[in-house]
Amino acid sequence: MCITCALRQGVILIGALWCALLASSQSTSAARLDDDGDVSAELASKGKQGQAVARARQQVLAMLRQPDGCLAWFQESDPDPAGVFRSLHYELESTGSAVIYSMRNAQDHQIFQHPWAARALESDGRGSTIHLNGNGPFFNRTSQIMRLDPSGTIAWPGGNHLLTISGYAGDTPEAQIIILLHELGHIIGRLPEDNGSWDGRSAQNTAEVVRHCKSATSAAARQTLRSALSTSH
């Protein structure tokens, strides 16, 4: 084969490879835009609560683009947690539990079981769904207490109580961010499975999220406050 022909074929091959890489990059970018567009449209159709989820979602996405300890912790289970989070969908459950149950444990200490905040399938991966309790701490600051007798079968009203997520008041940017990060942890298998039982496993998982992401969460919440103040002026 002549040198000129070989060079010409080499240039053609390089050009083909470049086009393939460019097409792949454009396809990935388009997929990301589709994820954002589809999910944003879904949330826009869910009214005021959908708007709250959309705001928290953008805060979490911004956090997962920052190279810090929070991102590194999630990357121990998935190299692209932001990509997974971007692909997630949301369902709002209006019939979710709405009260805080309270009872005395064996040591005669009063313990509380708050209404669940969110649920997702363990290790479900990209495109899965986060179910949010419309009556839980993502959207509400307080809830009614129902006191249980020692058998746990008879309940009577006990006033209202502050809903909290690991020390953060419900219906605040910090609580909403931590709730979404907690569910992302389940979806990528970073956190072990938990439930709404009295054993405290869910609270332990939340505390683990806070341990790694507290600084980033506080920074995102401050940015939200600054944006809100700027918009109001």
C-alpha atoms as a PDB file:
ATOM      1  CA  MET A   1       0.000   0.000   0.000  1.00  0.00           C
ATOM      2  CA  CYS A   2       1.341   3.445  -0.897  1.00  0.00           C
ATOM      3  CA  ILE A   3       2.245   5.805   1.952  1.00  0.00           C
ATOM      4  CA  THR A   4      -0.247   8.428   0.728  1.00  0.00           C
ATOM      5  CA  CYS A   5      -3.092   5.912   0.711  1.00  0.00           C
ATOM      6  CA  ALA A   6      -2.168   4.690   4.179  1.00  0.00           C
ATOM      7  CA  LEU A   7      -2.122   8.229   5.524  1.00  0.00           C
ATOM      8  CA  ARG A   8      -5.459   8.972   3.868  1.00  0.00           C
ATOM      9  CA  GLN A   9      -7.030   5.866   5.426  1.00  0.00           C
ATOM     10  CA  GLY A  10      -5.536   6.810   8.799  1.00  0.00           C
ATOM     11  CA  VAL A  11      -7.096  10.268   8.616  1.00  0.00           C
ATOM     12  CA  ILE A  12     -10.445   8.734   7.670  1.00  0.00           C
ATOM     13  CA  LEU A  13     -10.236   6.286  10.583  1.00  0.00           C
ATOM     14  CA  ILE A  14      -9.374   9.034  13.073  1.00  0.00           C
ATOM     15  CA  GLY A  15     -12.225  11.128  11.726  1.00  0.00           C
ATOM     16  CA  ALA A  16     -14.644   8.232  12.129  1.00  0.00           C
ATOM     17  CA  LEU A  17     -13.506   7.618  15.694  1.00  0.00           C
ATOM     18  CA  TRP A  18     -13.851  11.322  16.504  1.00  0.00           C
ATOM     19  CA  CYS A  19     -17.390  11.378  15.108  1.00  0.00           C
ATOM     20  CA  ALA A  20     -18.285   8.288  17.136  1.00  0.00           C
ATOM     21  CA  LEU A  21     -16.953   9.848  20.332  1.00  0.00           C
ATOM     22  CA  LEU A  22     -18.746  13.119  19.578  1.00  0.00           C
ATOM     23  CA  ALA A  23     -22.005  11.284  18.907  1.00  0.00           C
ATOM     24  CA  SER A  24     -21.634   9.372  22.155  1.00  0.00           C
ATOM     25  CA  SER A  25     -20.990  12.594  24.068  1.00  0.00           C
ATOM     26  CA  GLN A  26     -23.971  14.300  22.444  1.00  0.00           C
ATOM     27  CA  SER A  27     -26.141  11.269  23.183  1.00  0.00           C
ATOM     28  CA  THR A  28     -25.113  11.355  26.857  1.00  0.00           C
ATOM     29  CA  SER A  29     -25.786  15.091  27.058  1.00  0.00           C
ATOM     30  CA  ALA A  30     -29.166  14.635  25.388  1.00  0.00           C
ATOM     31  CA  ALA A  31     -30.043  11.842  27.805  1.00  0.00           C
ATOM     32  CA  ARG A  32     -29.180  14.103  30.729  1.00  0.00           C
ATOM     33  CA  LEU A  33     -31.311  16.876  29.297  1.00  0.00           C
ATOM     34  CA  ASP A  34     -34.141  14.397  28.778  1.00  0.00           C
ATOM     35  CA  ASP A  35     -33.828  13.222  32.381  1.00  0.00           C
ATOM     36  CA  ASP A  36     -33.972  16.787  33.662  1.00  0.00           C
ATOM     37  CA  GLY A  37     -36.780  17.768  31.306  1.00  0.00           C
ATOM     38  CA  ASP A  38     -38.934  14.711  32.005  1.00  0.00           C
ATOM     39  CA  VAL A  39     -38.521  14.874  35.767  1.00  0.00           C
ATOM     40  CA  SER A  40     -39.022  18.649  35.862  1.00  0.00           C
ATOM     41  CA  ALA A  41     -42.245  18.269  33.875  1.00  0.00           C
ATOM     42  CA  GLU A  42     -43.443  15.527  36.222  1.00  0.00           C
ATOM     43  CA  LEU A  43     -42.793  17.677  39.283  1.00  0.00           C
ATOM     44  CA  ALA A  44     -44.348  20.778  37.712  1.00  0.00           C
ATOM     45  CA  SER A  45     -47.608  18.834  37.381  1.00  0.00           C
ATOM     46  CA  LYS A  46     -47.685  18.076  41.122  1.00  0.00           C
ATOM     47  CA  GLY A  47     -48.468  21.585  42.363  1.00  0.00           C
ATOM     48  CA  LYS A  48     -46.883  23.256  45.385  1.00  0.00           C
ATOM     49  CA  GLN A  49     -45.430  20.041  46.774  1.00  0.00           C
ATOM     50  CA  GLY A  50     -43.903  19.257  43.394  1.00  0.00           C
ATOM     51  CA  GLN A  51     -42.243  22.682  43.417  1.00  0.00           C
ATOM     52  CA  ALA A  52     -40.727  21.935  46.838  1.00  0.00           C
ATOM     53  CA  VAL A  53     -39.319  18.646  45.538  1.00  0.00           C
ATOM     54  CA  ALA A  54     -37.954  20.369  42.420  1.00  0.00           C
ATOM     55  CA  ARG A  55     -36.086  22.935  44.546  1.00  0.00           C
ATOM     56  CA  ALA A  56     -34.580  20.281  46.795  1.00  0.00           C
ATOM     57  CA  ARG A  57     -33.684  18.158  43.764  1.00  0.00           C
ATOM     58  CA  GLN A  58     -31.692  21.018  42.222  1.00  0.00           C
ATOM     59  CA  GLN A  59     -29.914  21.610  45.533  1.00  0.00           C
ATOM     60  CA  VAL A  60     -28.879  17.955  45.732  1.00  0.00           C
ATOM     61  CA  LEU A  61     -27.733  17.898  42.116  1.00  0.00           C
ATOM     62  CA  ALA A  62     -25.543  20.946  42.774  1.00  0.00           C
ATOM     63  CA  MET A  63     -24.089  19.244  45.867  1.00  0.00           C
ATOM     64  CA  LEU A  64     -23.280  16.061  43.944  1.00  0.00           C
ATOM     65  CA  ARG A  65     -21.214  18.071  41.465  1.00  0.00           C
ATOM     66  CA  GLN A  66     -18.884  19.324  44.207  1.00  0.00           C
ATOM     67  CA  PRO A  67     -15.724  17.257  44.836  1.00  0.00           C
ATOM     68  CA  ASP A  68     -15.988  16.888  48.594  1.00  0.00           C
ATOM     69  CA  GLY A  69     -16.397  14.263  51.292  1.00  0.00           C
ATOM     70  CA  CYS A  70     -20.118  13.894  50.650  1.00  0.00           C
ATOM     71  CA  LEU A  71     -19.602  13.073  46.974  1.00  0.00           C
ATOM     72  CA  ALA A  72     -16.673  10.768  47.750  1.00  0.00           C
ATOM     73  CA  TRP A  73     -18.812   8.814  50.207  1.00  0.00           C
ATOM     74  CA  PHE A  74     -21.523   8.174  47.607  1.00  0.00           C
ATOM     75  CA  GLN A  75     -18.911   7.337  44.959  1.00  0.00           C
ATOM     76  CA  GLU A  76     -17.757   4.413  47.090  1.00  0.00           C
ATOM     77  CA  SER A  77     -20.942   2.698  45.859  1.00  0.00           C
ATOM     78  CA  ASP A  78     -21.460   4.331  42.447  1.00  0.00           C
ATOM     79  CA  PRO A  79     -18.959   6.370  40.402  1.00  0.00           C
ATOM     80  CA  ASP A  80     -21.698   8.717  39.142  1.00  0.00           C
ATOM     81  CA  PRO A  81     -24.183   9.411  41.954  1.00  0.00           C
ATOM     82  CA  ALA A  82     -25.247  12.677  40.289  1.00  0.00           C
ATOM     83  CA  GLY A  83     -26.182  10.778  37.128  1.00  0.00           C
ATOM     84  CA  VAL A  84     -28.222   8.274  39.118  1.00  0.00           C
ATOM     85  CA  PHE A  85     -29.944  11.023  41.102  1.00  0.00           C
ATOM     86  CA  ARG A  86     -30.738  12.988  37.946  1.00  0.00           C
ATOM     87  CA  SER A  87     -32.596   9.973  36.539  1.00  0.00           C
ATOM     88  CA  LEU A  88     -34.881   9.445  39.522  1.00  0.00           C
ATOM     89  CA  HIS A  89     -38.633   9.981  39.483  1.00  0.00           C
ATOM     90  CA  TYR A  90     -40.937  11.045  42.314  1.00  0.00           C
ATOM     91  CA  GLU A  91     -44.338   9.986  43.564  1.00  0.00           C
ATOM     92  CA  LEU A  92     -46.225  11.939  46.235  1.00  0.00           C
ATOM     93  CA  GLU A  93     -48.376   9.813  48.524  1.00  0.00           C
ATOM     94  CA  SER A  94     -51.226  11.849  49.976  1.00  0.00           C
ATOM     95  CA  THR A  95     -52.414   8.969  52.194  1.00  0.00           C
ATOM     96  CA  GLY A  96     -49.092   8.454  53.985  1.00  0.00           C
ATOM     97  CA  SER A  97     -48.961   8.350  57.794  1.00  0.00           C
ATOM     98  CA  ALA A  98     -49.492  11.759  59.374  1.00  0.00           C
ATOM     99  CA  VAL A  99     -49.047  11.328  63.140  1.00  0.00           C
ATOM    100  CA  ILE A 100     -46.184  10.842  65.583  1.00  0.00           C
ATOM    101  CA  TYR A 101     -46.584   7.822  67.838  1.00  0.00           C
ATOM    102  CA  SER A 102     -45.177   7.993  71.335  1.00  0.00           C
ATOM    103  CA  MET A 103     -44.714   5.338  74.000  1.00  0.00           C
ATOM    104  CA  ARG A 104     -42.600   4.452  77.040  1.00  0.00           C
ATOM    105  CA  ASN A 105     -39.832   1.926  76.517  1.00  0.00           C
ATOM    106  CA  ALA A 106     -38.591  -0.669  79.020  1.00  0.00           C
ATOM    107  CA  GLN A 107     -36.452   1.996  80.715  1.00  0.00           C
ATOM    108  CA  ASP A 108     -39.513   4.245  81.074  1.00  0.00           C
ATOM    109  CA  HIS A 109     -38.118   6.711  78.548  1.00  0.00           C
ATOM    110  CA  GLN A 110     -40.537   8.312  76.126  1.00  0.00           C
ATOM    111  CA  ILE A 111     -39.689   7.398  72.538  1.00  0.00           C
ATOM    112  CA  PHE A 112     -41.196   8.709  69.318  1.00  0.00           C
ATOM    113  CA  GLN A 113     -41.928   7.214  65.930  1.00  0.00           C
ATOM    114  CA  HIS A 114     -42.248   9.974  63.359  1.00  0.00           C
ATOM    115  CA  PRO A 115     -44.241   9.512  60.144  1.00  0.00           C
ATOM    116  CA  TRP A 116     -42.089   8.159  57.367  1.00  0.00           C
ATOM    117  CA  ALA A 117     -40.533  10.759  55.062  1.00  0.00           C
ATOM    118  CA  ALA A 118     -39.653   8.837  51.894  1.00  0.00           C
ATOM    119  CA  ARG A 119     -39.186   5.344  50.509  1.00  0.00           C
ATOM    120  CA  ALA A 120     -37.204   3.787  47.681  1.00  0.00           C
ATOM    121  CA  LEU A 121     -36.216   0.269  46.675  1.00  0.00           C
ATOM    122  CA  GLU A 122     -32.824  -0.910  47.874  1.00  0.00           C
ATOM    123  CA  SER A 123     -30.151  -0.958  45.112  1.00  0.00           C
ATOM    124  CA  ASP A 124     -32.803  -0.213  42.453  1.00  0.00           C
ATOM    125  CA  GLY A 125     -30.432   1.975  40.409  1.00  0.00           C
ATOM    126  CA  ARG A 126     -31.063   4.478  37.649  1.00  0.00           C
ATOM    127  CA  GLY A 127     -34.590   5.454  36.726  1.00  0.00           C
ATOM    128  CA  SER A 128     -36.110   4.278  40.014  1.00  0.00           C
ATOM    129  CA  THR A 129     -38.707   6.184  42.007  1.00  0.00           C
ATOM    130  CA  ILE A 130     -38.624   7.971  45.355  1.00  0.00           C
ATOM    131  CA  HIS A 131     -41.999   7.883  47.118  1.00  0.00           C
ATOM    132  CA  LEU A 132     -42.508  10.928  49.346  1.00  0.00           C
ATOM    133  CA  ASN A 133     -45.047  11.035  52.169  1.00  0.00           C
ATOM    134  CA  GLY A 134     -47.238  14.075  51.527  1.00  0.00           C
ATOM    135  CA  ASN A 135     -48.007  14.182  55.262  1.00  0.00           C
ATOM    136  CA  GLY A 136     -44.438  13.649  56.465  1.00  0.00           C
ATOM    137  CA  PRO A 137     -41.470  15.849  57.405  1.00  0.00           C
ATOM    138  CA  PHE A 138     -40.502  16.687  53.836  1.00  0.00           C
ATOM    139  CA  PHE A 139     -43.537  18.968  53.593  1.00  0.00           C
ATOM    140  CA  ASN A 140     -44.614  19.606  57.202  1.00  0.00           C
ATOM    141  CA  ARG A 141     -43.092  21.234  60.288  1.00  0.00           C
ATOM    142  CA  THR A 142     -45.300  19.693  62.993  1.00  0.00           C
ATOM    143  CA  SER A 143     -47.618  16.754  63.478  1.00  0.00           C
ATOM    144  CA  GLN A 144     -50.076  15.473  66.075  1.00  0.00           C
ATOM    145  CA  ILE A 145     -48.811  13.046  68.715  1.00  0.00           C
ATOM    146  CA  MET A 146     -50.721   9.851  69.454  1.00  0.00           C
ATOM    147  CA  ARG A 147     -49.658   8.342  72.766  1.00  0.00           C
ATOM    148  CA  LEU A 148     -49.678   4.547  72.959  1.00  0.00           C
ATOM    149  CA  ASP A 149     -50.231   2.405  76.020  1.00  0.00           C
ATOM    150  CA  PRO A 150     -47.534  -0.149  76.979  1.00  0.00           C
ATOM    151  CA  SER A 151     -49.153  -2.765  74.747  1.00  0.00           C
ATOM    152  CA  GLY A 152     -48.973  -0.423  71.774  1.00  0.00           C
ATOM    153  CA  THR A 153     -52.622  -0.999  70.887  1.00  0.00           C
ATOM    154  CA  ILE A 154     -54.519   1.903  72.477  1.00  0.00           C
ATOM    155  CA  ALA A 155     -53.761   5.481  71.428  1.00  0.00           C
ATOM    156  CA  TRP A 156     -54.976   8.882  72.546  1.00  0.00           C
ATOM    157  CA  PRO A 157     -54.095  12.425  71.349  1.00  0.00           C
ATOM    158  CA  GLY A 158     -51.150  14.151  73.015  1.00  0.00           C
ATOM    159  CA  GLY A 159     -50.843  17.557  71.362  1.00  0.00           C
ATOM    160  CA  ASN A 160     -48.509  18.576  68.551  1.00  0.00           C
ATOM    161  CA  HIS A 161     -44.794  17.930  68.200  1.00  0.00           C
ATOM    162  CA  LEU A 162     -42.013  19.197  65.925  1.00  0.00           C
ATOM    163  CA  LEU A 163     -41.157  16.854  63.063  1.00  0.00           C
ATOM    164  CA  THR A 164     -37.414  16.410  62.700  1.00  0.00           C
ATOM    165  CA  ILE A 165     -34.889  14.734  60.445  1.00  0.00           C
ATOM    166  CA  SER A 166     -31.709  14.120  62.439  1.00  0.00           C
ATOM    167  CA  GLY A 167     -32.060  17.422  64.276  1.00  0.00           C
ATOM    168  CA  TYR A 168     -33.327  19.430  61.289  1.00  0.00           C
ATOM    169  CA  ALA A 169     -36.882  20.737  61.506  1.00  0.00           C
ATOM    170  CA  GLY A 170     -39.286  19.336  58.952  1.00  0.00           C
ATOM    171  CA  ASP A 171     -40.151  21.371  55.857  1.00  0.00           C
ATOM    172  CA  THR A 172     -36.717  23.058  55.770  1.00  0.00           C
ATOM    173  CA  PRO A 173     -34.085  22.906  53.003  1.00  0.00           C
ATOM    174  CA  GLU A 174     -31.756  20.911  55.270  1.00  0.00           C
ATOM    175  CA  ALA A 175     -34.377  18.271  56.081  1.00  0.00           C
ATOM    176  CA  GLN A 176     -35.463  17.975  52.451  1.00  0.00           C
ATOM    177  CA  ILE A 177     -31.887  17.605  51.196  1.00  0.00           C
ATOM    178  CA  ILE A 178     -31.058  14.935  53.777  1.00  0.00           C
ATOM    179  CA  ILE A 179     -34.250  13.019  52.971  1.00  0.00           C
ATOM    180  CA  LEU A 180     -33.369  12.875  49.260  1.00  0.00           C
ATOM    181  CA  LEU A 181     -29.740  11.960  49.960  1.00  0.00           C
ATOM    182  CA  HIS A 182     -30.929   9.190  52.306  1.00  0.00           C
ATOM    183  CA  GLU A 183     -33.056   7.664  49.544  1.00  0.00           C
ATOM    184  CA  LEU A 184     -30.219   8.001  47.021  1.00  0.00           C
ATOM    185  CA  GLY A 185     -28.109   6.046  49.508  1.00  0.00           C
ATOM    186  CA  HIS A 186     -30.611   3.176  49.356  1.00  0.00           C
ATOM    187  CA  ILE A 187     -30.973   3.331  45.581  1.00  0.00           C
ATOM    188  CA  ILE A 188     -27.232   2.899  44.980  1.00  0.00           C
ATOM    189  CA  GLY A 189     -26.774   0.463  47.860  1.00  0.00           C
ATOM    190  CA  ARG A 190     -24.736   2.857  49.993  1.00  0.00           C
ATOM    191  CA  LEU A 191     -27.088   2.456  52.976  1.00  0.00           C
ATOM    192  CA  PRO A 192     -28.539  -0.802  54.327  1.00  0.00           C
ATOM    193  CA  GLU A 193     -32.265  -1.376  54.062  1.00  0.00           C
ATOM    194  CA  ASP A 194     -34.432   0.112  56.799  1.00  0.00           C
ATOM    195  CA  ASN A 195     -38.110   0.659  57.575  1.00  0.00           C
ATOM    196  CA  GLY A 196     -40.416   2.591  59.880  1.00  0.00           C
ATOM    197  CA  SER A 197     -40.011   0.253  62.869  1.00  0.00           C
ATOM    198  CA  TRP A 198     -39.072   1.335  66.381  1.00  0.00           C
ATOM    199  CA  ASP A 199     -35.557  -0.162  66.102  1.00  0.00           C
ATOM    200  CA  GLY A 200     -34.012   3.147  64.947  1.00  0.00           C
ATOM    201  CA  ARG A 201     -32.323   1.701  61.843  1.00  0.00           C
ATOM    202  CA  SER A 202     -33.704   4.475  59.609  1.00  0.00           C
ATOM    203  CA  ALA A 203     -32.504   7.164  62.037  1.00  0.00           C
ATOM    204  CA  GLN A 204     -29.050   5.549  62.104  1.00  0.00           C
ATOM    205  CA  ASN A 205     -28.908   5.637  58.312  1.00  0.00           C
ATOM    206  CA  THR A 206     -29.949   9.290  58.318  1.00  0.00           C
ATOM    207  CA  ALA A 207     -27.260  10.078  60.886  1.00  0.00           C
ATOM    208  CA  GLU A 208     -24.693   8.451  58.586  1.00  0.00           C
ATOM    209  CA  VAL A 209     -25.790  10.680  55.698  1.00  0.00           C
ATOM    210  CA  VAL A 210     -25.531  13.751  57.946  1.00  0.00           C
ATOM    211  CA  ARG A 211     -22.085  12.698  59.140  1.00  0.00           C
ATOM    212  CA  HIS A 212     -20.721  12.771  55.601  1.00  0.00           C
ATOM    213  CA  CYS A 213     -22.861  15.545  54.086  1.00  0.00           C
ATOM    214  CA  LYS A 214     -23.599  18.012  56.898  1.00  0.00           C
ATOM    215  CA  SER A 215     -21.260  20.766  55.664  1.00  0.00           C
ATOM    216  CA  ALA A 216     -22.461  20.493  52.057  1.00  0.00           C
ATOM    217  CA  THR A 217     -26.094  20.465  53.215  1.00  0.00           C
ATOM    218  CA  SER A 218     -25.618  23.596  55.332  1.00  0.00           C
ATOM    219  CA  ALA A 219     -23.918  25.388  52.439  1.00  0.00           C
ATOM    220  CA  ALA A 220     -26.754  24.458  50.054  1.00  0.00           C
ATOM    221  CA  ALA A 221     -29.358  25.668  52.568  1.00  0.00           C
ATOM    222  CA  ARG A 222     -27.551  28.999  52.988  1.00  0.00           C
ATOM    223  CA  GLN A 223     -27.475  29.423  49.228  1.00  0.00           C
ATOM    224  CA  THR A 224     -31.214  28.766  49.115  1.00  0.00           C
ATOM    225  CA  LEU A 225     -31.797  31.455  51.754  1.00  0.00           C
ATOM    226  CA  ARG A 226     -29.637  33.964  49.877  1.00  0.00           C
ATOM    227  CA  SER A 227     -31.514  33.248  46.651  1.00  0.00           C
ATOM    228  CA  ALA A 228     -34.860  33.688  48.388  1.00  0.00           C
ATOM    229  CA  LEU A 229     -33.795  37.010  49.920  1.00  0.00           C
ATOM    230  CA  SER A 230     -32.451  38.204  46.588  1.00  0.00           C
ATOM    231  CA  THR A 231     -35.707  37.299  44.844  1.00  0.00           C
ATOM    232  CA  SER A 232     -37.814  39.101  47.469  1.00  0.00           C
ATOM    233  CA  HIS A 233     -35.965  42.424  46.995  1.00  0.00           C
END
